[in-house]
């Protein structure tokens, strides 16, 4: 999957949340200062070209929806972060986030239980 720029990612987050959106819907959901309509339209066209958005003609305008599942996008990004920053080690990645987030003992115990319960489901 191609990497997305920060603005492309913002637009995709909106489309994933709304399921279907016109450019005006996307702009309405962006934070201030809102980019110009033509700027958003250009980014949307790039996302269509990258294959992460698809369009459907509704009347005389396009309605956009995701061509890529959010979970697949998330998994791909987390996998590349794990590989790039943590030597492809899940334990190192989790240890980093546990430390950075200042997890309490209770939160760490809950995380360990969650991991154990998911491991048991795989067995």
N, C-alpha and C. Protein backbone atom coordinates (compact mmCIF):
# COMPACT_ATOMS: atom_id res chain seq x y z
N UNK A 1 0.85 -1.18 0.00
CA UNK A 1 0.00 0.00 0.00
C UNK A 1 0.90 1.25 0.00
N UNK A 2 0.55 2.21 -0.83
CA UNK A 2 1.34 3.44 -0.89
C UNK A 2 1.18 4.24 0.39
N UNK A 3 2.26 4.89 0.78
CA UNK A 3 2.22 5.76 1.96
C UNK A 3 1.42 7.01 1.64
N UNK A 4 0.71 7.52 2.62
CA UNK A 4 -0.09 8.72 2.46
C UNK A 4 0.58 9.89 3.16
N UNK A 5 0.42 11.07 2.58
CA UNK A 5 0.90 12.28 3.24
C UNK A 5 0.00 12.58 4.43
N UNK A 6 0.40 13.52 5.25
CA UNK A 6 -0.40 13.89 6.42
C UNK A 6 -1.80 14.35 6.00
N UNK A 7 -1.88 15.20 4.99
CA UNK A 7 -3.20 15.70 4.55
C UNK A 7 -4.02 14.58 3.91
N UNK A 8 -3.37 13.71 3.14
CA UNK A 8 -4.09 12.58 2.55
C UNK A 8 -4.66 11.69 3.65
N UNK A 9 -3.87 11.46 4.68
CA UNK A 9 -4.32 10.65 5.81
C UNK A 9 -5.51 11.32 6.51
N UNK A 10 -5.46 12.61 6.70
CA UNK A 10 -6.57 13.34 7.32
C UNK A 10 -7.86 13.16 6.52
N UNK A 11 -7.73 13.27 5.21
CA UNK A 11 -8.90 13.11 4.36
C UNK A 11 -9.43 11.69 4.43
N UNK A 12 -8.54 10.71 4.41
CA UNK A 12 -8.99 9.32 4.51
C UNK A 12 -9.67 9.04 5.85
N UNK A 13 -9.15 9.61 6.93
CA UNK A 13 -9.79 9.42 8.24
C UNK A 13 -11.24 9.91 8.19
N UNK A 14 -11.46 11.03 7.52
CA UNK A 14 -12.82 11.58 7.40
C UNK A 14 -13.69 10.65 6.56
N UNK A 15 -13.17 10.20 5.43
CA UNK A 15 -13.96 9.31 4.56
C UNK A 15 -14.27 7.99 5.28
N UNK A 16 -13.30 7.44 6.01
CA UNK A 16 -13.58 6.21 6.75
C UNK A 16 -14.68 6.44 7.77
N UNK A 17 -14.66 7.59 8.44
CA UNK A 17 -15.68 7.88 9.45
C UNK A 17 -17.05 8.10 8.81
N UNK A 18 -17.10 8.83 7.70
CA UNK A 18 -18.38 9.16 7.06
C UNK A 18 -18.90 8.04 6.15
N UNK A 19 -18.04 7.13 5.75
CA UNK A 19 -18.33 6.04 4.81
C UNK A 19 -18.40 6.54 3.36
N UNK A 20 -19.17 7.59 3.10
CA UNK A 20 -19.27 8.21 1.77
C UNK A 20 -19.27 9.72 1.97
N UNK A 21 -18.58 10.42 1.05
CA UNK A 21 -18.48 11.86 1.24
C UNK A 21 -18.26 12.58 -0.10
N UNK A 22 -18.85 13.75 -0.18
CA UNK A 22 -18.56 14.67 -1.26
C UNK A 22 -17.41 15.55 -0.78
N UNK A 23 -16.77 16.24 -1.69
CA UNK A 23 -15.65 17.11 -1.31
C UNK A 23 -16.08 18.12 -0.25
N UNK A 24 -17.27 18.67 -0.39
CA UNK A 24 -17.77 19.64 0.59
C UNK A 24 -17.87 19.00 1.98
N UNK A 25 -18.29 17.74 2.06
CA UNK A 25 -18.36 17.04 3.35
C UNK A 25 -16.97 16.92 3.98
N UNK A 26 -15.99 16.62 3.14
CA UNK A 26 -14.61 16.48 3.62
C UNK A 26 -14.13 17.81 4.18
N UNK A 27 -14.35 18.88 3.42
CA UNK A 27 -13.93 20.21 3.87
C UNK A 27 -14.60 20.57 5.18
N UNK A 28 -15.89 20.31 5.28
CA UNK A 28 -16.64 20.62 6.51
C UNK A 28 -16.07 19.91 7.73
N UNK A 29 -15.44 18.75 7.52
CA UNK A 29 -14.90 17.97 8.63
C UNK A 29 -13.42 18.21 8.90
N UNK A 30 -12.78 19.06 8.11
CA UNK A 30 -11.38 19.41 8.36
C UNK A 30 -11.30 20.54 9.37
N UNK A 31 -10.21 20.58 10.11
CA UNK A 31 -10.02 21.63 11.11
C UNK A 31 -9.63 22.94 10.43
N UNK A 32 -9.85 24.03 11.16
CA UNK A 32 -9.44 25.35 10.69
C UNK A 32 -7.93 25.46 10.75
N UNK A 33 -7.30 26.17 9.88
CA UNK A 33 -7.88 26.83 8.72
C UNK A 33 -8.17 25.80 7.63
N UNK A 34 -9.37 25.86 7.10
CA UNK A 34 -9.79 24.89 6.09
C UNK A 34 -9.13 25.22 4.75
N UNK A 35 -8.65 24.19 4.07
CA UNK A 35 -8.04 24.43 2.77
C UNK A 35 -9.10 24.80 1.73
N UNK A 36 -8.65 25.38 0.64
CA UNK A 36 -9.54 25.77 -0.45
C UNK A 36 -10.14 24.52 -1.10
N UNK A 37 -11.31 24.64 -1.65
CA UNK A 37 -12.01 23.54 -2.31
C UNK A 37 -11.10 22.85 -3.34
N UNK A 38 -10.44 23.67 -4.18
CA UNK A 38 -9.59 23.10 -5.24
C UNK A 38 -8.43 22.28 -4.67
N UNK A 39 -7.91 22.69 -3.53
CA UNK A 39 -6.82 21.96 -2.88
C UNK A 39 -7.30 20.58 -2.46
N UNK A 40 -8.46 20.54 -1.82
CA UNK A 40 -9.02 19.25 -1.38
C UNK A 40 -9.37 18.39 -2.59
N UNK A 41 -9.94 18.99 -3.62
CA UNK A 41 -10.28 18.24 -4.83
C UNK A 41 -9.04 17.61 -5.46
N UNK A 42 -7.93 18.34 -5.47
CA UNK A 42 -6.67 17.82 -6.02
C UNK A 42 -6.18 16.64 -5.19
N UNK A 43 -6.22 16.77 -3.86
CA UNK A 43 -5.77 15.68 -2.99
C UNK A 43 -6.66 14.45 -3.16
N UNK A 44 -7.96 14.68 -3.29
CA UNK A 44 -8.90 13.57 -3.49
C UNK A 44 -8.59 12.85 -4.80
N UNK A 45 -8.29 13.60 -5.85
CA UNK A 45 -7.93 12.99 -7.14
C UNK A 45 -6.66 12.15 -7.01
N UNK A 46 -5.70 12.64 -6.23
CA UNK A 46 -4.47 11.88 -5.99
C UNK A 46 -4.80 10.58 -5.25
N UNK A 47 -5.70 10.65 -4.26
CA UNK A 47 -6.09 9.45 -3.51
C UNK A 47 -6.81 8.45 -4.40
N UNK A 48 -7.60 8.94 -5.34
CA UNK A 48 -8.24 8.04 -6.30
C UNK A 48 -7.17 7.38 -7.17
N UNK A 49 -6.21 8.17 -7.63
CA UNK A 49 -5.12 7.64 -8.47
C UNK A 49 -4.29 6.61 -7.71
N UNK A 50 -4.08 6.84 -6.40
CA UNK A 50 -3.33 5.89 -5.57
C UNK A 50 -4.14 4.63 -5.28
N UNK A 51 -5.44 4.67 -5.57
CA UNK A 51 -6.29 3.50 -5.38
C UNK A 51 -6.87 3.34 -3.99
N UNK A 52 -6.79 4.39 -3.16
CA UNK A 52 -7.34 4.27 -1.81
C UNK A 52 -8.75 4.87 -1.71
N UNK A 53 -9.12 5.70 -2.68
CA UNK A 53 -10.48 6.22 -2.77
C UNK A 53 -11.08 5.79 -4.10
N UNK A 54 -12.39 5.66 -4.09
CA UNK A 54 -13.13 5.41 -5.33
C UNK A 54 -14.24 6.43 -5.42
N UNK A 55 -14.67 6.71 -6.64
CA UNK A 55 -15.71 7.72 -6.80
C UNK A 55 -16.90 7.15 -7.55
N UNK A 56 -18.03 7.75 -7.25
CA UNK A 56 -19.29 7.40 -7.91
C UNK A 56 -19.95 8.71 -8.32
N UNK A 57 -20.41 8.77 -9.57
CA UNK A 57 -21.06 9.99 -10.05
C UNK A 57 -22.49 10.02 -9.51
N UNK A 58 -22.80 11.07 -8.76
CA UNK A 58 -24.14 11.29 -8.23
C UNK A 58 -24.60 12.64 -8.80
N UNK A 59 -25.56 12.59 -9.71
CA UNK A 59 -25.96 13.83 -10.37
C UNK A 59 -24.79 14.35 -11.19
N UNK A 60 -24.37 15.57 -10.88
CA UNK A 60 -23.23 16.13 -11.63
C UNK A 60 -21.98 16.27 -10.78
N UNK A 61 -21.92 15.53 -9.68
CA UNK A 61 -20.74 15.59 -8.81
C UNK A 61 -20.34 14.19 -8.37
N UNK A 62 -19.14 14.08 -7.86
CA UNK A 62 -18.61 12.78 -7.42
C UNK A 62 -18.80 12.60 -5.92
N UNK A 63 -19.17 11.39 -5.55
CA UNK A 63 -19.21 11.00 -4.14
C UNK A 63 -18.10 9.98 -3.95
N UNK A 64 -17.34 10.13 -2.88
CA UNK A 64 -16.16 9.30 -2.66
C UNK A 64 -16.37 8.35 -1.49
N UNK A 65 -15.78 7.18 -1.64
CA UNK A 65 -15.77 6.20 -0.55
C UNK A 65 -14.41 5.50 -0.58
N UNK A 66 -14.11 4.84 0.51
CA UNK A 66 -12.81 4.20 0.65
C UNK A 66 -12.73 2.96 -0.24
N UNK A 67 -11.61 2.80 -0.88
CA UNK A 67 -11.32 1.58 -1.64
C UNK A 67 -10.40 0.67 -0.82
N UNK A 68 -9.98 1.17 0.35
CA UNK A 68 -9.07 0.43 1.23
C UNK A 68 -9.70 0.37 2.61
N UNK A 69 -9.73 -0.81 3.16
CA UNK A 69 -10.28 -1.03 4.49
C UNK A 69 -9.40 -0.34 5.54
N UNK A 70 -10.02 0.35 6.51
CA UNK A 70 -9.26 1.04 7.54
C UNK A 70 -8.34 0.10 8.30
N UNK A 71 -8.84 -1.08 8.64
CA UNK A 71 -8.04 -2.03 9.40
C UNK A 71 -6.80 -2.46 8.63
N UNK A 72 -6.93 -2.66 7.31
CA UNK A 72 -5.78 -3.02 6.49
C UNK A 72 -4.76 -1.89 6.47
N UNK A 73 -5.24 -0.66 6.37
CA UNK A 73 -4.36 0.51 6.38
C UNK A 73 -3.63 0.62 7.72
N UNK A 74 -4.39 0.47 8.80
CA UNK A 74 -3.80 0.54 10.14
C UNK A 74 -2.75 -0.55 10.34
N UNK A 75 -3.10 -1.78 9.97
CA UNK A 75 -2.18 -2.90 10.14
C UNK A 75 -0.90 -2.69 9.34
N UNK A 76 -1.04 -2.19 8.11
CA UNK A 76 0.13 -1.94 7.27
C UNK A 76 1.03 -0.89 7.90
N UNK A 77 0.43 0.18 8.42
CA UNK A 77 1.21 1.25 9.05
C UNK A 77 1.87 0.80 10.34
N UNK A 78 1.14 0.07 11.16
CA UNK A 78 1.74 -0.42 12.42
C UNK A 78 2.87 -1.40 12.13
N UNK A 79 2.68 -2.23 11.11
CA UNK A 79 3.73 -3.17 10.74
C UNK A 79 5.00 -2.46 10.29
N UNK A 80 4.84 -1.39 9.52
CA UNK A 80 6.04 -0.67 9.06
C UNK A 80 6.68 0.11 10.20
N UNK A 81 5.89 0.63 11.15
CA UNK A 81 6.45 1.31 12.33
C UNK A 81 7.23 0.30 13.17
N UNK A 82 6.65 -0.87 13.38
CA UNK A 82 7.32 -1.92 14.17
C UNK A 82 8.65 -2.29 13.53
N UNK A 83 8.64 -2.43 12.21
CA UNK A 83 9.85 -2.82 11.49
C UNK A 83 10.89 -1.71 11.51
N UNK A 84 10.46 -0.47 11.22
CA UNK A 84 11.38 0.66 11.08
C UNK A 84 11.99 1.10 12.41
N UNK A 85 11.18 1.16 13.46
CA UNK A 85 11.64 1.75 14.72
C UNK A 85 11.96 0.74 15.82
N UNK A 86 11.48 -0.50 15.69
CA UNK A 86 11.64 -1.45 16.79
C UNK A 86 12.26 -2.78 16.34
N UNK A 87 12.97 -2.76 15.21
CA UNK A 87 13.64 -3.98 14.74
C UNK A 87 12.67 -5.13 14.53
N UNK A 88 11.45 -4.80 14.14
CA UNK A 88 10.37 -5.77 13.90
C UNK A 88 10.02 -6.58 15.15
N UNK A 89 10.27 -5.98 16.32
CA UNK A 89 10.00 -6.66 17.59
C UNK A 89 8.76 -6.07 18.25
N UNK A 90 7.72 -6.90 18.35
CA UNK A 90 6.49 -6.46 19.02
C UNK A 90 6.74 -6.17 20.50
N UNK A 91 7.48 -7.03 21.23
CA UNK A 91 7.73 -6.72 22.65
C UNK A 91 8.45 -5.38 22.85
N UNK A 92 9.43 -5.07 21.99
CA UNK A 92 10.12 -3.78 22.11
C UNK A 92 9.15 -2.63 21.86
N UNK A 93 8.28 -2.79 20.87
CA UNK A 93 7.31 -1.75 20.56
C UNK A 93 6.35 -1.54 21.74
N UNK A 94 5.87 -2.63 22.30
CA UNK A 94 4.93 -2.52 23.42
C UNK A 94 5.61 -1.93 24.65
N UNK A 95 6.86 -2.32 24.90
CA UNK A 95 7.60 -1.77 26.04
C UNK A 95 7.77 -0.26 25.87
N UNK A 96 8.06 0.17 24.66
CA UNK A 96 8.20 1.60 24.39
C UNK A 96 6.91 2.34 24.72
N UNK A 97 5.79 1.84 24.20
CA UNK A 97 4.52 2.53 24.44
C UNK A 97 4.09 2.46 25.90
N UNK A 98 4.37 1.36 26.57
CA UNK A 98 4.05 1.25 28.00
C UNK A 98 4.82 2.31 28.78
N UNK A 99 6.09 2.50 28.44
CA UNK A 99 6.91 3.49 29.13
C UNK A 99 6.46 4.91 28.78
N UNK A 100 6.28 5.19 27.50
CA UNK A 100 5.90 6.54 27.05
C UNK A 100 4.53 6.98 27.57
N UNK A 101 3.62 6.03 27.69
CA UNK A 101 2.26 6.36 28.14
C UNK A 101 2.14 6.35 29.67
N UNK A 102 3.24 6.04 30.35
CA UNK A 102 3.23 5.98 31.81
C UNK A 102 2.08 5.11 32.33
N UNK A 103 2.00 3.90 31.81
CA UNK A 103 0.90 3.01 32.21
C UNK A 103 1.04 2.64 33.68
N UNK A 104 -0.08 2.58 34.34
CA UNK A 104 -0.10 2.15 35.74
C UNK A 104 0.06 0.63 35.79
N UNK A 105 0.32 0.11 36.99
CA UNK A 105 0.41 -1.34 37.16
C UNK A 105 -0.87 -2.02 36.71
N UNK A 106 -2.00 -1.42 37.05
CA UNK A 106 -3.30 -1.98 36.67
C UNK A 106 -3.45 -2.04 35.16
N UNK A 107 -3.04 -0.96 34.47
CA UNK A 107 -3.14 -0.93 33.02
C UNK A 107 -2.21 -1.96 32.38
N UNK A 108 -1.02 -2.11 32.92
CA UNK A 108 -0.07 -3.11 32.40
C UNK A 108 -0.63 -4.52 32.61
N UNK A 109 -1.19 -4.76 33.78
CA UNK A 109 -1.78 -6.08 34.06
C UNK A 109 -2.94 -6.35 33.10
N UNK A 110 -3.76 -5.34 32.84
CA UNK A 110 -4.88 -5.51 31.91
C UNK A 110 -4.37 -5.80 30.50
N UNK A 111 -3.30 -5.14 30.11
CA UNK A 111 -2.69 -5.37 28.80
C UNK A 111 -2.15 -6.80 28.70
N UNK A 112 -1.48 -7.25 29.74
CA UNK A 112 -0.94 -8.62 29.76
C UNK A 112 -2.09 -9.63 29.66
N UNK A 113 -3.16 -9.40 30.39
CA UNK A 113 -4.32 -10.30 30.33
C UNK A 113 -4.95 -10.31 28.94
N UNK A 114 -5.02 -9.15 28.31
CA UNK A 114 -5.56 -9.06 26.95
C UNK A 114 -4.71 -9.86 25.98
N UNK A 115 -3.41 -9.75 26.10
CA UNK A 115 -2.49 -10.49 25.24
C UNK A 115 -2.64 -11.99 25.49
N UNK A 116 -2.72 -12.38 26.75
CA UNK A 116 -2.88 -13.79 27.09
C UNK A 116 -4.20 -14.33 26.54
N UNK A 117 -5.27 -13.59 26.69
CA UNK A 117 -6.57 -14.07 26.22
C UNK A 117 -6.59 -14.20 24.70
N UNK A 118 -5.94 -13.28 23.97
CA UNK A 118 -5.85 -13.38 22.51
C UNK A 118 -4.99 -14.56 22.10
N UNK A 119 -3.93 -14.84 22.87
CA UNK A 119 -3.06 -15.97 22.57
C UNK A 119 -3.82 -17.29 22.77
N UNK A 120 -4.64 -17.33 23.82
CA UNK A 120 -5.43 -18.52 24.09
C UNK A 120 -6.45 -18.78 22.99
N UNK A 121 -6.98 -17.73 22.40
CA UNK A 121 -7.95 -17.89 21.30
C UNK A 121 -7.30 -18.49 20.08
N UNK A 122 -6.00 -18.21 19.87
CA UNK A 122 -5.28 -18.74 18.71
C UNK A 122 -4.96 -20.20 18.87
N UNK A 123 -4.84 -20.67 20.11
CA UNK A 123 -4.44 -22.07 20.36
C UNK A 123 -5.53 -23.04 20.00
